[in-house]
Amino acid sequence: MGIYKNLQKVHAAVVVDQVKGAGTLGEQIGVLAVNAIISGMDSDDWKKYMSLFADNAEQLNRLTVKAGSDDSWLRQARAYIVSNAVCAAGTTTFTGNRVTTDVDGDASDAPDGTVVKPLNIGEV
């Protein structure tokens, strides 16, 4: 699955969590996002948060590694991905808001077993 689809999946999981009455998944994601913002893009907290949206090392690198060739839209997409989740869980932490499929770039969709998810999002 690509980064963009993972963003959609996480959003859907938060909505389902709220409908089921648990309502804690959005809060947990929000805590990870705040830690990522406070610690900065070069931190383990940033990598941990962004791993929610990556299925392989190539995708995770797009979300975590600054490259001299980064387009401004990729920088902006990263900022939206982390800042959108800071809103209260009642807003369903729409992490993909204002992010387009361009975020996937040429990264493979195939999981490679290298990305550890900090939360169990499950299947939606």
N, C-alpha and C. Protein backbone atom coordinates (compact mmCIF):
# COMPACT_ATOMS: atom_id res chain seq x y z
N MET A 1 0.86 -1.16 0.00
CA MET A 1 0.00 0.00 0.00
C MET A 1 0.91 1.23 0.00
N GLY A 2 0.52 2.28 -0.68
CA GLY A 2 1.29 3.51 -0.72
C GLY A 2 1.03 4.39 0.49
N ILE A 3 1.83 5.43 0.61
CA ILE A 3 1.70 6.38 1.71
C ILE A 3 0.30 6.99 1.73
N TYR A 4 -0.16 7.43 0.58
CA TYR A 4 -1.46 8.08 0.50
C TYR A 4 -2.58 7.15 0.97
N LYS A 5 -2.53 5.90 0.54
CA LYS A 5 -3.55 4.91 0.97
C LYS A 5 -3.44 4.65 2.47
N ASN A 6 -2.22 4.64 2.99
CA ASN A 6 -2.05 4.47 4.43
C ASN A 6 -2.64 5.64 5.20
N LEU A 7 -2.50 6.84 4.67
CA LEU A 7 -3.12 8.00 5.32
C LEU A 7 -4.64 7.82 5.38
N GLN A 8 -5.22 7.35 4.28
CA GLN A 8 -6.66 7.10 4.24
C GLN A 8 -7.06 6.00 5.22
N LYS A 9 -6.24 4.96 5.29
CA LYS A 9 -6.53 3.84 6.19
C LYS A 9 -6.52 4.29 7.65
N VAL A 10 -5.53 5.08 8.02
CA VAL A 10 -5.45 5.56 9.40
C VAL A 10 -6.67 6.42 9.74
N HIS A 11 -7.03 7.29 8.82
CA HIS A 11 -8.22 8.13 9.04
C HIS A 11 -9.46 7.26 9.23
N ALA A 12 -9.64 6.28 8.36
CA ALA A 12 -10.80 5.39 8.46
C ALA A 12 -10.79 4.62 9.78
N ALA A 13 -9.62 4.18 10.22
CA ALA A 13 -9.52 3.46 11.48
C ALA A 13 -9.94 4.33 12.65
N VAL A 14 -9.60 5.59 12.62
CA VAL A 14 -10.00 6.51 13.70
C VAL A 14 -11.52 6.69 13.70
N VAL A 15 -12.10 6.83 12.52
CA VAL A 15 -13.56 6.97 12.42
C VAL A 15 -14.24 5.72 12.95
N VAL A 16 -13.78 4.55 12.55
CA VAL A 16 -14.36 3.29 13.02
C VAL A 16 -14.22 3.18 14.53
N ASP A 17 -13.06 3.56 15.06
CA ASP A 17 -12.82 3.52 16.50
C ASP A 17 -13.83 4.40 17.24
N GLN A 18 -14.12 5.55 16.67
CA GLN A 18 -15.11 6.45 17.30
C GLN A 18 -16.52 5.87 17.23
N VAL A 19 -16.86 5.29 16.09
CA VAL A 19 -18.20 4.71 15.93
C VAL A 19 -18.40 3.55 16.90
N LYS A 20 -17.36 2.78 17.12
CA LYS A 20 -17.45 1.66 18.05
C LYS A 20 -17.48 2.12 19.50
N GLY A 21 -17.22 3.40 19.72
CA GLY A 21 -17.30 3.94 21.07
C GLY A 21 -16.00 3.97 21.84
N ALA A 22 -14.95 3.41 21.28
CA ALA A 22 -13.67 3.41 21.99
C ALA A 22 -13.09 4.82 21.99
N GLY A 23 -12.89 5.39 20.81
CA GLY A 23 -12.47 6.78 20.69
C GLY A 23 -11.08 7.10 21.18
N THR A 24 -10.21 6.11 21.35
CA THR A 24 -8.88 6.40 21.87
C THR A 24 -7.80 6.42 20.79
N LEU A 25 -8.06 5.83 19.64
CA LEU A 25 -7.05 5.75 18.59
C LEU A 25 -6.62 7.15 18.13
N GLY A 26 -7.56 8.03 17.92
CA GLY A 26 -7.23 9.40 17.51
C GLY A 26 -6.36 10.10 18.53
N GLU A 27 -6.67 9.90 19.79
CA GLU A 27 -5.87 10.51 20.85
C GLU A 27 -4.45 9.95 20.85
N GLN A 28 -4.32 8.65 20.67
CA GLN A 28 -2.99 8.02 20.64
C GLN A 28 -2.17 8.54 19.46
N ILE A 29 -2.81 8.69 18.32
CA ILE A 29 -2.12 9.22 17.15
C ILE A 29 -1.73 10.67 17.39
N GLY A 30 -2.62 11.42 18.03
CA GLY A 30 -2.31 12.81 18.37
C GLY A 30 -1.11 12.95 19.27
N VAL A 31 -0.98 12.08 20.25
CA VAL A 31 0.17 12.11 21.15
C VAL A 31 1.45 11.84 20.36
N LEU A 32 1.42 10.86 19.47
CA LEU A 32 2.59 10.57 18.63
C LEU A 32 2.95 11.77 17.76
N ALA A 33 1.94 12.45 17.22
CA ALA A 33 2.18 13.62 16.37
C ALA A 33 2.80 14.76 17.16
N VAL A 34 2.29 15.03 18.34
CA VAL A 34 2.85 16.09 19.18
C VAL A 34 4.30 15.78 19.51
N ASN A 35 4.58 14.55 19.89
CA ASN A 35 5.97 14.16 20.19
C ASN A 35 6.86 14.37 18.97
N ALA A 36 6.35 14.04 17.78
CA ALA A 36 7.12 14.21 16.55
C ALA A 36 7.42 15.69 16.31
N ILE A 37 6.43 16.53 16.48
CA ILE A 37 6.61 17.97 16.25
C ILE A 37 7.61 18.55 17.25
N ILE A 38 7.43 18.23 18.51
CA ILE A 38 8.30 18.76 19.55
C ILE A 38 9.74 18.29 19.36
N SER A 39 9.92 17.04 18.97
CA SER A 39 11.26 16.47 18.82
C SER A 39 11.93 16.82 17.49
N GLY A 40 11.13 17.11 16.47
CA GLY A 40 11.69 17.53 15.19
C GLY A 40 11.87 16.40 14.19
N MET A 41 12.07 16.80 12.95
CA MET A 41 12.10 15.85 11.84
C MET A 41 13.26 14.87 11.90
N ASP A 42 14.33 15.20 12.55
CA ASP A 42 15.48 14.30 12.63
C ASP A 42 15.41 13.35 13.83
N SER A 43 14.28 13.31 14.51
CA SER A 43 14.18 12.55 15.75
C SER A 43 13.57 11.15 15.54
N ASP A 44 13.78 10.33 16.54
CA ASP A 44 13.13 9.01 16.57
C ASP A 44 11.62 9.15 16.68
N ASP A 45 11.15 10.19 17.39
CA ASP A 45 9.71 10.41 17.53
C ASP A 45 9.08 10.70 16.16
N TRP A 46 9.76 11.47 15.32
CA TRP A 46 9.26 11.76 13.97
C TRP A 46 9.17 10.46 13.17
N LYS A 47 10.21 9.68 13.23
CA LYS A 47 10.25 8.41 12.49
C LYS A 47 9.15 7.47 13.00
N LYS A 48 8.98 7.43 14.30
CA LYS A 48 7.95 6.57 14.90
C LYS A 48 6.57 6.98 14.39
N TYR A 49 6.28 8.27 14.42
CA TYR A 49 4.98 8.75 13.95
C TYR A 49 4.78 8.45 12.47
N MET A 50 5.76 8.78 11.66
CA MET A 50 5.62 8.60 10.21
C MET A 50 5.56 7.13 9.80
N SER A 51 6.02 6.24 10.67
CA SER A 51 5.95 4.81 10.35
C SER A 51 4.50 4.32 10.28
N LEU A 52 3.57 5.09 10.85
CA LEU A 52 2.16 4.74 10.71
C LEU A 52 1.73 4.72 9.25
N PHE A 53 2.40 5.47 8.41
CA PHE A 53 1.96 5.67 7.03
C PHE A 53 2.88 5.03 6.00
N ALA A 54 3.82 4.23 6.46
CA ALA A 54 4.79 3.60 5.56
C ALA A 54 4.76 2.09 5.72
N ASP A 55 4.93 1.39 4.61
CA ASP A 55 4.98 -0.06 4.63
C ASP A 55 6.35 -0.61 4.28
N ASN A 56 7.27 0.28 3.94
CA ASN A 56 8.61 -0.18 3.60
C ASN A 56 9.60 0.95 3.84
N ALA A 57 10.88 0.62 3.79
CA ALA A 57 11.93 1.59 4.09
C ALA A 57 11.91 2.76 3.10
N GLU A 58 11.61 2.49 1.86
CA GLU A 58 11.60 3.55 0.85
C GLU A 58 10.52 4.59 1.15
N GLN A 59 9.33 4.13 1.53
CA GLN A 59 8.25 5.05 1.89
C GLN A 59 8.63 5.83 3.15
N LEU A 60 9.16 5.14 4.14
CA LEU A 60 9.53 5.81 5.38
C LEU A 60 10.60 6.87 5.13
N ASN A 61 11.52 6.59 4.25
CA ASN A 61 12.54 7.59 3.90
C ASN A 61 11.92 8.83 3.28
N ARG A 62 10.90 8.66 2.44
CA ARG A 62 10.24 9.83 1.84
C ARG A 62 9.64 10.74 2.91
N LEU A 63 9.21 10.13 4.01
CA LEU A 63 8.55 10.88 5.08
C LEU A 63 9.51 11.39 6.15
N THR A 64 10.72 10.87 6.17
CA THR A 64 11.61 11.19 7.29
C THR A 64 12.98 11.75 6.91
N VAL A 65 13.41 11.55 5.70
CA VAL A 65 14.77 11.94 5.33
C VAL A 65 14.74 13.18 4.45
N LYS A 66 15.44 14.21 4.91
CA LYS A 66 15.56 15.43 4.12
C LYS A 66 16.54 15.19 2.99
N ALA A 67 16.14 15.52 1.79
CA ALA A 67 17.01 15.36 0.63
C ALA A 67 17.14 16.71 -0.07
N GLY A 68 18.28 16.95 -0.66
CA GLY A 68 18.50 18.20 -1.36
C GLY A 68 17.51 18.43 -2.49
N SER A 69 16.93 17.33 -2.97
CA SER A 69 15.99 17.44 -4.10
C SER A 69 14.53 17.54 -3.65
N ASP A 70 14.28 17.65 -2.35
CA ASP A 70 12.90 17.74 -1.87
C ASP A 70 12.18 18.92 -2.51
N ASP A 71 11.05 18.64 -3.10
CA ASP A 71 10.20 19.71 -3.60
C ASP A 71 9.47 20.35 -2.43
N SER A 72 9.08 21.59 -2.62
CA SER A 72 8.38 22.29 -1.53
C SER A 72 7.07 21.58 -1.19
N TRP A 73 6.41 20.95 -2.17
CA TRP A 73 5.15 20.26 -1.88
C TRP A 73 5.38 19.05 -0.98
N LEU A 74 6.53 18.37 -1.10
CA LEU A 74 6.82 17.23 -0.24
C LEU A 74 7.06 17.72 1.19
N ARG A 75 7.77 18.81 1.32
CA ARG A 75 7.99 19.39 2.65
C ARG A 75 6.65 19.78 3.27
N GLN A 76 5.77 20.38 2.45
CA GLN A 76 4.46 20.78 2.94
C GLN A 76 3.61 19.56 3.29
N ALA A 77 3.67 18.52 2.48
CA ALA A 77 2.91 17.30 2.76
C ALA A 77 3.32 16.70 4.10
N ARG A 78 4.62 16.64 4.35
CA ARG A 78 5.10 16.12 5.63
C ARG A 78 4.54 16.96 6.79
N ALA A 79 4.54 18.26 6.61
CA ALA A 79 4.03 19.16 7.66
C ALA A 79 2.55 18.91 7.91
N TYR A 80 1.78 18.75 6.84
CA TYR A 80 0.34 18.47 7.01
C TYR A 80 0.13 17.13 7.70
N ILE A 81 0.88 16.12 7.29
CA ILE A 81 0.70 14.78 7.87
C ILE A 81 0.89 14.81 9.38
N VAL A 82 1.87 15.52 9.84
CA VAL A 82 2.12 15.55 11.28
C VAL A 82 1.21 16.55 12.00
N SER A 83 0.90 17.67 11.38
CA SER A 83 0.09 18.67 12.08
C SER A 83 -1.40 18.35 12.08
N ASN A 84 -1.89 17.66 11.08
CA ASN A 84 -3.32 17.33 11.02
C ASN A 84 -3.76 16.46 12.19
N ALA A 85 -2.87 15.63 12.69
CA ALA A 85 -3.24 14.71 13.76
C ALA A 85 -3.26 15.36 15.13
N VAL A 86 -2.80 16.58 15.23
CA VAL A 86 -2.77 17.25 16.53
C VAL A 86 -4.16 17.70 16.97
N CYS A 87 -5.07 17.87 16.02
CA CYS A 87 -6.43 18.28 16.35
C CYS A 87 -7.06 17.26 17.29
N ALA A 88 -8.06 17.68 18.00
CA ALA A 88 -8.75 16.79 18.93
C ALA A 88 -9.26 15.55 18.21
N ALA A 89 -9.31 14.45 18.90
CA ALA A 89 -9.73 13.19 18.31
C ALA A 89 -11.12 13.27 17.71
N GLY A 90 -11.95 14.16 18.21
CA GLY A 90 -13.30 14.32 17.67
C GLY A 90 -13.32 14.77 16.23
N THR A 91 -12.20 15.29 15.75
CA THR A 91 -12.13 15.71 14.35
C THR A 91 -11.66 14.57 13.46
N THR A 92 -11.48 13.40 14.01
CA THR A 92 -11.03 12.18 13.34
C THR A 92 -9.61 12.27 12.82
N THR A 93 -8.82 13.18 13.33
CA THR A 93 -7.40 13.30 12.99
C THR A 93 -7.15 13.00 11.52
N PHE A 94 -7.79 13.74 10.65
CA PHE A 94 -7.71 13.49 9.21
C PHE A 94 -6.30 13.77 8.72
N THR A 95 -5.41 12.81 8.93
CA THR A 95 -3.99 12.98 8.68
C THR A 95 -3.65 13.29 7.23
N GLY A 96 -4.49 12.87 6.31
CA GLY A 96 -4.21 13.09 4.90
C GLY A 96 -4.79 14.37 4.33
N ASN A 97 -5.39 15.19 5.17
CA ASN A 97 -5.99 16.43 4.69
C ASN A 97 -4.93 17.30 3.99
N ARG A 98 -5.22 17.71 2.77
CA ARG A 98 -4.37 18.57 1.94
C ARG A 98 -3.09 17.88 1.46
N VAL A 99 -3.06 16.54 1.51
CA VAL A 99 -1.95 15.75 0.97
C VAL A 99 -2.49 15.03 -0.27
N THR A 100 -1.69 15.02 -1.34
CA THR A 100 -2.12 14.37 -2.58
C THR A 100 -1.33 13.09 -2.81
N THR A 101 -1.72 12.35 -3.83
CA THR A 101 -1.04 11.10 -4.17
C THR A 101 0.41 11.33 -4.56
N ASP A 102 0.79 12.57 -4.84
CA ASP A 102 2.19 12.87 -5.15
C ASP A 102 3.12 12.45 -4.02
N VAL A 103 2.60 12.35 -2.82
CA VAL A 103 3.43 11.99 -1.68
C VAL A 103 4.06 10.61 -1.87
N ASP A 104 3.45 9.77 -2.67
CA ASP A 104 4.00 8.43 -2.91
C ASP A 104 5.26 8.45 -3.77
N GLY A 105 5.36 9.42 -4.67
CA GLY A 105 6.50 9.46 -5.56
C GLY A 105 6.66 8.15 -6.30
N ASP A 106 7.87 7.69 -6.43
CA ASP A 106 8.16 6.41 -7.09
C ASP A 106 8.37 5.28 -6.09
N ALA A 107 8.03 5.50 -4.84
CA ALA A 107 8.26 4.48 -3.82
C ALA A 107 7.41 3.25 -4.07
N SER A 108 7.98 2.11 -3.82
CA SER A 108 7.29 0.83 -3.98
C SER A 108 6.11 0.74 -3.01
N ASP A 109 5.08 0.01 -3.41
CA ASP A 109 3.92 -0.24 -2.53
C ASP A 109 4.09 -1.51 -1.71
N ALA A 110 5.10 -2.29 -2.00
CA ALA A 110 5.26 -3.60 -1.36
C ALA A 110 5.86 -3.48 0.04
N PRO A 111 5.19 -4.08 1.03
CA PRO A 111 5.79 -4.11 2.37
C PRO A 111 7.11 -4.88 2.34
N ASP A 112 8.07 -4.44 3.15
CA ASP A 112 9.35 -5.14 3.18
C ASP A 112 9.73 -5.62 4.58
N GLY A 113 8.82 -5.46 5.54
CA GLY A 113 9.07 -5.96 6.89
C GLY A 113 10.02 -5.12 7.73
N THR A 114 10.44 -3.95 7.23
CA THR A 114 11.40 -3.14 7.97
C THR A 114 10.75 -2.06 8.83
N VAL A 115 9.48 -1.78 8.61
CA VAL A 115 8.81 -0.68 9.32
C VAL A 115 8.00 -1.24 10.49
N VAL A 116 8.29 -0.72 11.68
CA VAL A 116 7.58 -1.13 12.88
C VAL A 116 6.51 -0.09 13.17
N LYS A 117 5.27 -0.51 13.21
CA LYS A 117 4.15 0.39 13.48
C LYS A 117 4.04 0.64 14.98
N PRO A 118 3.91 1.90 15.40
CA PRO A 118 3.81 2.19 16.83
C PRO A 118 2.42 1.88 17.43
N LEU A 119 1.43 1.75 16.56
CA LEU A 119 0.07 1.44 17.00
C LEU A 119 -0.51 0.39 16.08
N ASN A 120 -1.43 -0.40 16.58
CA ASN A 120 -2.13 -1.36 15.75
C ASN A 120 -3.36 -0.68 15.13
N ILE A 121 -3.25 -0.38 13.85
CA ILE A 121 -4.37 0.26 13.16
C ILE A 121 -5.39 -0.77 12.74
N GLY A 122 -4.95 -1.98 12.44
CA GLY A 122 -5.84 -3.06 12.04
C GLY A 122 -6.32 -2.89 10.61
N GLU A 123 -7.25 -3.72 10.24
CA GLU A 123 -7.82 -3.66 8.89
C GLU A 123 -9.12 -2.86 8.93
N VAL A 124 -9.29 -2.01 7.96
CA VAL A 124 -10.50 -1.18 7.89
C VAL A 124 -11.21 -1.48 6.60
